[in-house]
Amino acid sequence: MLKGLLDPKIDFIFKQIFGSMKHPAVLISFLNATLKPIALITQVDIKNTDLEKQFIKDKFSRLDIKATTSDNEIINIEIQLKNEYNMIKRSLYYWSKLYEEQLGEGEDYSELQRTVCINILNFKYLQNDRFHNAYRLKEIVTHEQLCDTLEIHFIEIPKLQDNCDEKDMLVAWTEFLKNPESQRVRNLEMTFKEIREAKDELVRLSGDDEQRTLYNMRAKILRDEISALGKAKREGIEEGIEEGIKKGIKKGIKEGIKEGELNKTLDIAKNALSIGLPLEQVKALTGLPEEVIKQLK
């Protein structure tokens, strides 16, 4: 009995749907929707189709999709569940690796092909409201494009609005990734055969006990990594607050508070804040600097 569909945002599942030569039409549709080329992509050659168990268990492994299109473009697609706060530099680094790896020793630069990185993010990252952003090299003042050899895309799933045009194929694919069991996706299946093909493959994977076991294994690894990242962030914030308090205390000492009385003064400030006294009154009561009192809230 089917226990519900697996999450296509887990890289292990995403790769089997979008990165398999068993159904290249899915990837072709997604690339045409994302890149919107003048001449549509008609073929793809997917390079890294292996999904060995050791890579699934390895939290450092990248289960991304690498492909070459019918126009000889080099494509890399990566889906990320967690915000590592380094996505721009990370993407530039992987782009540079893909670009550099095209040439062997003695080969000419003219052989280098257009290289595109597509980052699908399950979190908000860029400082705008658009769910899809694409970047190329342009002149700073005139915005004249230098070339289209470098192109980096960010698709931020949480930014997809309910009123987005579902006739846009990229909206349709993002809806599928967001919630493949939604009524919207059921409607899209009736319109777009590629969405239906992706959904059928997701249903097949979800009903396979071995695939579900591997999925649970991979999902746990990713959840643990997200949890560790969250803990590190919290500890960093706490460390920053503590450092801010220390700096404020040093300033307070210079302004006349005796070091031996600091703990007592801090306790008074905390108690005053807890009963709702305004910041200015707490400042007048304790003599503590304003930035220290703010950190105690």
Protein backbone atom coordinates (compact mmCIF):
# COMPACT_ATOMS: atom_id res chain seq x y z
CA MET A 1 0.00 0.00 0.00
CA LEU A 2 1.40 3.41 -0.99
CA LYS A 3 2.32 5.48 2.07
CA GLY A 4 2.35 8.82 0.29
CA LEU A 5 4.64 10.37 -2.28
CA LEU A 6 8.30 10.91 -1.52
CA ASP A 7 9.57 14.49 -1.52
CA PRO A 8 11.08 15.31 -4.95
CA LYS A 9 13.20 18.02 -3.28
CA ILE A 10 15.38 15.35 -1.65
CA ASP A 11 18.36 15.21 -4.02
CA PHE A 12 18.27 11.41 -4.25
CA ILE A 13 14.73 11.53 -5.66
CA PHE A 14 15.23 14.72 -7.67
CA LYS A 15 18.11 13.16 -9.55
CA GLN A 16 16.17 10.04 -10.44
CA ILE A 17 13.32 12.11 -11.89
CA PHE A 18 15.24 14.89 -13.65
CA GLY A 19 18.61 13.23 -14.17
CA SER A 20 17.75 9.89 -15.76
CA MET A 21 18.11 8.96 -19.42
CA LYS A 22 15.02 6.78 -18.99
CA HIS A 23 12.90 9.91 -19.37
CA PRO A 24 15.03 12.74 -20.87
CA ALA A 25 11.89 14.70 -21.85
CA VAL A 26 11.54 15.74 -18.19
CA LEU A 27 14.99 17.35 -18.08
CA ILE A 28 14.58 18.87 -21.56
CA SER A 29 11.29 20.46 -20.51
CA PHE A 30 12.77 21.80 -17.26
CA LEU A 31 15.81 23.28 -19.06
CA ASN A 32 13.70 24.95 -21.75
CA ALA A 33 11.45 26.36 -19.01
CA THR A 34 14.42 27.71 -17.04
CA LEU A 35 16.75 28.93 -19.78
CA LYS A 36 14.04 29.98 -22.27
CA PRO A 37 16.41 29.62 -25.25
CA ILE A 38 15.50 31.05 -28.65
CA ALA A 39 16.18 27.64 -30.22
CA LEU A 40 14.64 25.02 -27.94
CA ILE A 41 16.79 22.26 -26.49
CA THR A 42 15.87 18.99 -28.20
CA GLN A 43 18.36 16.52 -26.70
CA VAL A 44 20.37 16.04 -23.53
CA ASP A 45 23.26 13.78 -22.65
CA ILE A 46 23.24 13.20 -18.88
CA LYS A 47 26.75 12.57 -17.57
CA ASN A 48 26.53 11.37 -13.96
CA THR A 49 23.65 8.92 -13.65
CA ASP A 50 25.20 6.70 -10.95
CA LEU A 51 23.47 6.58 -7.55
CA GLU A 52 25.63 4.21 -5.54
CA LYS A 53 24.74 3.58 -1.91
CA GLN A 54 28.01 5.02 -0.55
CA PHE A 55 27.18 8.39 -2.12
CA ILE A 56 23.70 8.36 -0.60
CA LYS A 57 25.18 7.76 2.86
CA ASP A 58 27.87 10.42 2.45
CA LYS A 59 26.61 13.79 3.69
CA PHE A 60 29.39 15.51 1.71
CA SER A 61 28.35 13.98 -1.62
CA ARG A 62 26.69 16.17 -4.24
CA LEU A 63 23.86 14.37 -5.98
CA ASP A 64 23.67 17.01 -8.69
CA ILE A 65 22.81 16.62 -12.37
CA LYS A 66 25.39 17.24 -15.10
CA ALA A 67 24.33 17.26 -18.72
CA THR A 68 25.23 18.49 -22.20
CA THR A 69 22.47 19.88 -24.40
CA SER A 70 21.91 19.60 -28.14
CA ASP A 71 23.65 23.00 -28.44
CA ASN A 72 26.71 21.65 -26.57
CA GLU A 73 25.92 23.70 -23.47
CA ILE A 74 27.33 22.37 -20.20
CA ILE A 75 24.60 22.25 -17.53
CA ASN A 76 24.81 21.62 -13.80
CA ILE A 77 21.69 21.45 -11.61
CA GLU A 78 21.84 21.29 -7.82
CA ILE A 79 18.97 21.29 -5.33
CA GLN A 80 19.58 22.56 -1.81
CA LEU A 81 17.31 22.18 1.24
CA LYS A 82 19.38 24.21 3.67
CA ASN A 83 20.84 27.70 3.63
CA GLU A 84 24.61 27.45 3.92
CA TYR A 85 24.92 31.23 3.41
CA ASN A 86 27.52 30.72 0.67
CA MET A 87 25.42 29.79 -2.37
CA ILE A 88 26.76 32.54 -4.65
CA LYS A 89 30.44 31.72 -4.13
CA ARG A 90 29.66 28.00 -4.11
CA SER A 91 27.90 28.27 -7.45
CA LEU A 92 30.68 30.38 -8.98
CA TYR A 93 33.23 27.82 -7.81
CA TYR A 94 31.38 24.88 -9.36
CA TRP A 95 30.79 26.89 -12.53
CA SER A 96 34.53 27.60 -12.81
CA LYS A 97 35.33 23.90 -12.32
CA LEU A 98 32.91 22.89 -15.10
CA TYR A 99 34.31 25.56 -17.40
CA GLU A 100 37.95 24.68 -16.74
CA GLU A 101 37.42 20.92 -17.09
CA GLN A 102 36.30 21.30 -20.71
CA LEU A 103 39.85 21.81 -22.01
CA GLY A 104 42.65 19.29 -22.06
CA GLU A 105 46.32 20.23 -22.31
CA GLY A 106 47.09 22.09 -25.53
CA GLU A 107 43.46 22.59 -26.53
CA ASP A 108 42.26 25.97 -27.77
CA TYR A 109 40.08 28.37 -25.75
CA SER A 110 37.69 28.51 -28.70
CA GLU A 111 36.58 24.99 -27.72
CA LEU A 112 35.07 26.26 -24.47
CA GLN A 113 31.27 25.97 -24.41
CA ARG A 114 28.58 27.98 -22.68
CA THR A 115 28.29 26.75 -19.08
CA VAL A 116 25.18 27.12 -16.94
CA CYS A 117 24.62 26.40 -13.24
CA ILE A 118 21.05 26.11 -11.95
CA ASN A 119 20.53 26.26 -8.18
CA ILE A 120 17.14 25.17 -6.85
CA LEU A 121 16.74 26.39 -3.26
CA ASN A 122 14.13 25.37 -0.72
CA PHE A 123 14.71 28.63 1.17
CA LYS A 124 14.72 32.36 0.46
CA TYR A 125 18.19 33.63 -0.33
CA LEU A 126 18.39 36.59 -2.72
CA GLN A 127 17.24 40.08 -1.74
CA ASN A 128 14.24 40.32 -4.06
CA ASP A 129 10.74 38.84 -4.37
CA ARG A 130 11.23 36.95 -7.68
CA PHE A 131 11.33 33.17 -7.41
CA HIS A 132 13.60 32.90 -10.47
CA ASN A 133 16.71 35.02 -11.07
CA ALA A 134 19.38 34.57 -13.76
CA TYR A 135 22.79 36.27 -13.95
CA ARG A 136 25.38 36.88 -16.68
CA LEU A 137 28.48 39.07 -17.07
CA LYS A 138 27.53 42.64 -17.96
CA GLU A 139 29.19 46.06 -18.17
CA ILE A 140 28.63 47.96 -14.92
CA VAL A 141 27.32 51.26 -16.37
CA THR A 142 25.69 50.36 -19.69
CA HIS A 143 24.68 46.79 -18.76
CA GLU A 144 26.03 45.65 -22.13
CA GLN A 145 26.43 41.89 -22.03
CA LEU A 146 30.03 40.71 -22.30
CA CYS A 147 29.03 37.16 -23.23
CA ASP A 148 26.51 34.47 -22.35
CA THR A 149 29.22 31.91 -21.56
CA LEU A 150 28.63 32.34 -17.83
CA GLU A 151 25.05 31.97 -16.64
CA ILE A 152 23.88 31.19 -13.11
CA HIS A 153 20.24 30.67 -12.11
CA PHE A 154 18.57 30.64 -8.71
CA ILE A 155 15.10 29.17 -8.31
CA GLU A 156 13.79 29.84 -4.79
CA ILE A 157 10.80 27.56 -4.21
CA PRO A 158 9.32 29.40 -1.16
CA LYS A 159 9.05 32.62 -3.21
CA LEU A 160 6.61 31.08 -5.68
CA GLN A 161 3.34 32.98 -5.28
CA ASP A 162 -0.11 31.42 -5.47
CA ASN A 163 -1.09 33.80 -8.26
CA CYS A 164 1.85 32.91 -10.55
CA ASP A 165 0.96 32.07 -14.15
CA GLU A 166 0.64 28.28 -14.28
CA LYS A 167 0.93 28.41 -18.06
CA ASP A 168 4.61 29.29 -17.52
CA MET A 169 6.36 25.93 -17.57
CA LEU A 170 8.91 26.96 -14.92
CA VAL A 171 6.04 27.84 -12.58
CA ALA A 172 4.58 24.40 -13.29
CA TRP A 173 7.86 22.63 -12.49
CA THR A 174 8.34 24.68 -9.31
CA GLU A 175 4.79 23.80 -8.23
CA PHE A 176 5.64 20.14 -8.79
CA LEU A 177 8.73 20.40 -6.57
CA LYS A 178 6.86 22.41 -3.95
CA ASN A 179 3.99 19.95 -3.49
CA PRO A 180 3.52 17.15 -6.03
CA GLU A 181 0.30 16.02 -4.32
CA SER A 182 -1.47 19.39 -4.59
CA GLN A 183 -4.56 19.96 -6.67
CA ARG A 184 -2.57 22.41 -8.78
CA VAL A 185 -0.14 19.69 -9.80
CA ARG A 186 -3.02 17.30 -10.51
CA ASN A 187 -4.41 19.93 -12.89
CA LEU A 188 -0.98 20.49 -14.45
CA GLU A 189 -0.67 16.75 -15.14
CA MET A 190 -3.68 17.02 -17.41
CA THR A 191 -2.06 19.83 -19.41
CA PHE A 192 1.65 18.99 -19.55
CA LYS A 193 2.76 15.48 -20.46
CA GLU A 194 6.23 16.07 -18.98
CA ILE A 195 4.72 16.90 -15.58
CA ARG A 196 2.64 13.73 -15.86
CA GLU A 197 5.77 11.72 -16.72
CA ALA A 198 7.63 13.16 -13.71
CA LYS A 199 4.66 12.46 -11.43
CA ASP A 200 4.41 8.87 -12.72
CA GLU A 201 8.09 8.31 -11.95
CA LEU A 202 7.65 9.80 -8.48
CA VAL A 203 4.71 7.46 -7.86
CA ARG A 204 6.84 4.50 -9.02
CA LEU A 205 9.73 5.44 -6.74
CA SER A 206 7.36 6.00 -3.81
CA GLY A 207 5.93 2.51 -4.20
CA ASP A 208 9.34 0.79 -4.31
CA ASP A 209 10.36 -0.44 -0.83
CA GLU A 210 14.09 -0.35 -1.61
CA GLN A 211 13.88 3.20 -3.01
CA ARG A 212 11.89 4.30 0.05
CA THR A 213 14.56 2.84 2.36
CA LEU A 214 17.32 4.67 0.51
CA TYR A 215 15.20 7.83 0.50
CA ASN A 216 14.71 7.64 4.29
CA MET A 217 18.45 7.15 4.71
CA ARG A 218 19.27 10.18 2.56
CA ALA A 219 16.53 12.34 4.10
CA LYS A 220 17.84 11.61 7.61
CA ILE A 221 21.37 12.60 6.61
CA LEU A 222 20.11 15.87 5.15
CA ARG A 223 17.92 16.58 8.21
CA ASP A 224 20.87 15.95 10.53
CA GLU A 225 22.97 18.32 8.47
CA ILE A 226 20.27 21.01 8.59
CA SER A 227 20.00 20.54 12.36
CA ALA A 228 23.77 20.84 12.78
CA LEU A 229 23.78 23.98 10.67
CA GLY A 230 20.97 25.48 12.75
CA LYS A 231 22.82 24.67 15.97
CA ALA A 232 26.01 26.28 14.67
CA LYS A 233 24.05 29.39 13.69
CA ARG A 234 22.41 29.62 17.13
CA GLU A 235 25.75 29.17 18.87
CA GLY A 236 27.23 31.87 16.66
CA ILE A 237 24.44 34.28 17.56
CA GLU A 238 24.80 33.49 21.27
CA GLU A 239 28.55 33.97 21.05
CA GLY A 240 28.00 37.31 19.32
CA ILE A 241 25.54 38.43 22.01
CA GLU A 242 27.95 37.39 24.74
CA GLU A 243 30.78 39.27 23.05
CA GLY A 244 28.52 42.32 22.68
CA ILE A 245 27.68 42.22 26.39
CA LYS A 246 31.37 41.97 27.29
CA LYS A 247 32.17 45.01 25.16
CA GLY A 248 29.26 46.88 26.71
CA ILE A 249 30.43 45.95 30.20
CA LYS A 250 33.93 47.22 29.46
CA LYS A 251 32.40 50.46 28.28
CA GLY A 252 30.27 50.56 31.42
CA ILE A 253 33.34 50.11 33.62
CA LYS A 254 35.01 53.03 31.91
CA GLU A 255 31.92 55.09 32.59
CA GLY A 256 32.12 54.48 36.33
CA ILE A 257 30.52 51.11 37.16
CA LYS A 258 32.75 49.13 39.51
CA GLU A 259 33.65 45.68 38.22
CA GLY A 260 32.55 43.98 41.44
CA GLU A 261 29.04 45.41 41.09
CA LEU A 262 28.48 44.42 37.49
CA ASN A 263 26.69 41.13 38.10
CA LYS A 264 24.33 42.77 40.56
CA THR A 265 23.69 45.63 38.13
CA LEU A 266 22.99 43.23 35.28
CA ASP A 267 20.52 41.30 37.46
CA ILE A 268 18.73 44.54 38.32
CA ALA A 269 18.51 45.42 34.62
CA LYS A 270 17.13 41.97 33.72
CA ASN A 271 14.50 42.19 36.45
CA ALA A 272 13.51 45.69 35.38
CA LEU A 273 13.09 44.55 31.78
CA SER A 274 11.08 41.50 32.86
CA ILE A 275 8.46 43.69 34.54
CA GLY A 276 8.16 45.89 31.47
CA LEU A 277 10.16 49.01 32.37
CA PRO A 278 11.09 51.05 29.25
CA LEU A 279 14.70 50.97 28.10
CA GLU A 280 15.32 54.61 29.08
CA GLN A 281 14.18 53.97 32.65
CA VAL A 282 16.37 50.86 32.94
CA LYS A 283 19.30 52.90 31.63
CA ALA A 284 18.66 55.63 34.21
CA LEU A 285 18.20 53.05 37.00
CA THR A 286 21.34 51.01 36.33
CA GLY A 287 23.72 53.28 34.48
CA LEU A 288 24.34 50.55 31.93
CA PRO A 289 24.98 51.54 28.30
CA GLU A 290 21.97 51.24 25.99
CA GLU A 291 23.58 48.56 23.79
CA VAL A 292 24.13 46.32 26.83
CA ILE A 293 20.52 46.65 27.97
CA LYS A 294 19.28 45.78 24.46
CA GLN A 295 21.31 42.55 24.55
CA LEU A 296 19.65 41.57 27.84
CA LYS A 297 16.11 41.64 26.38
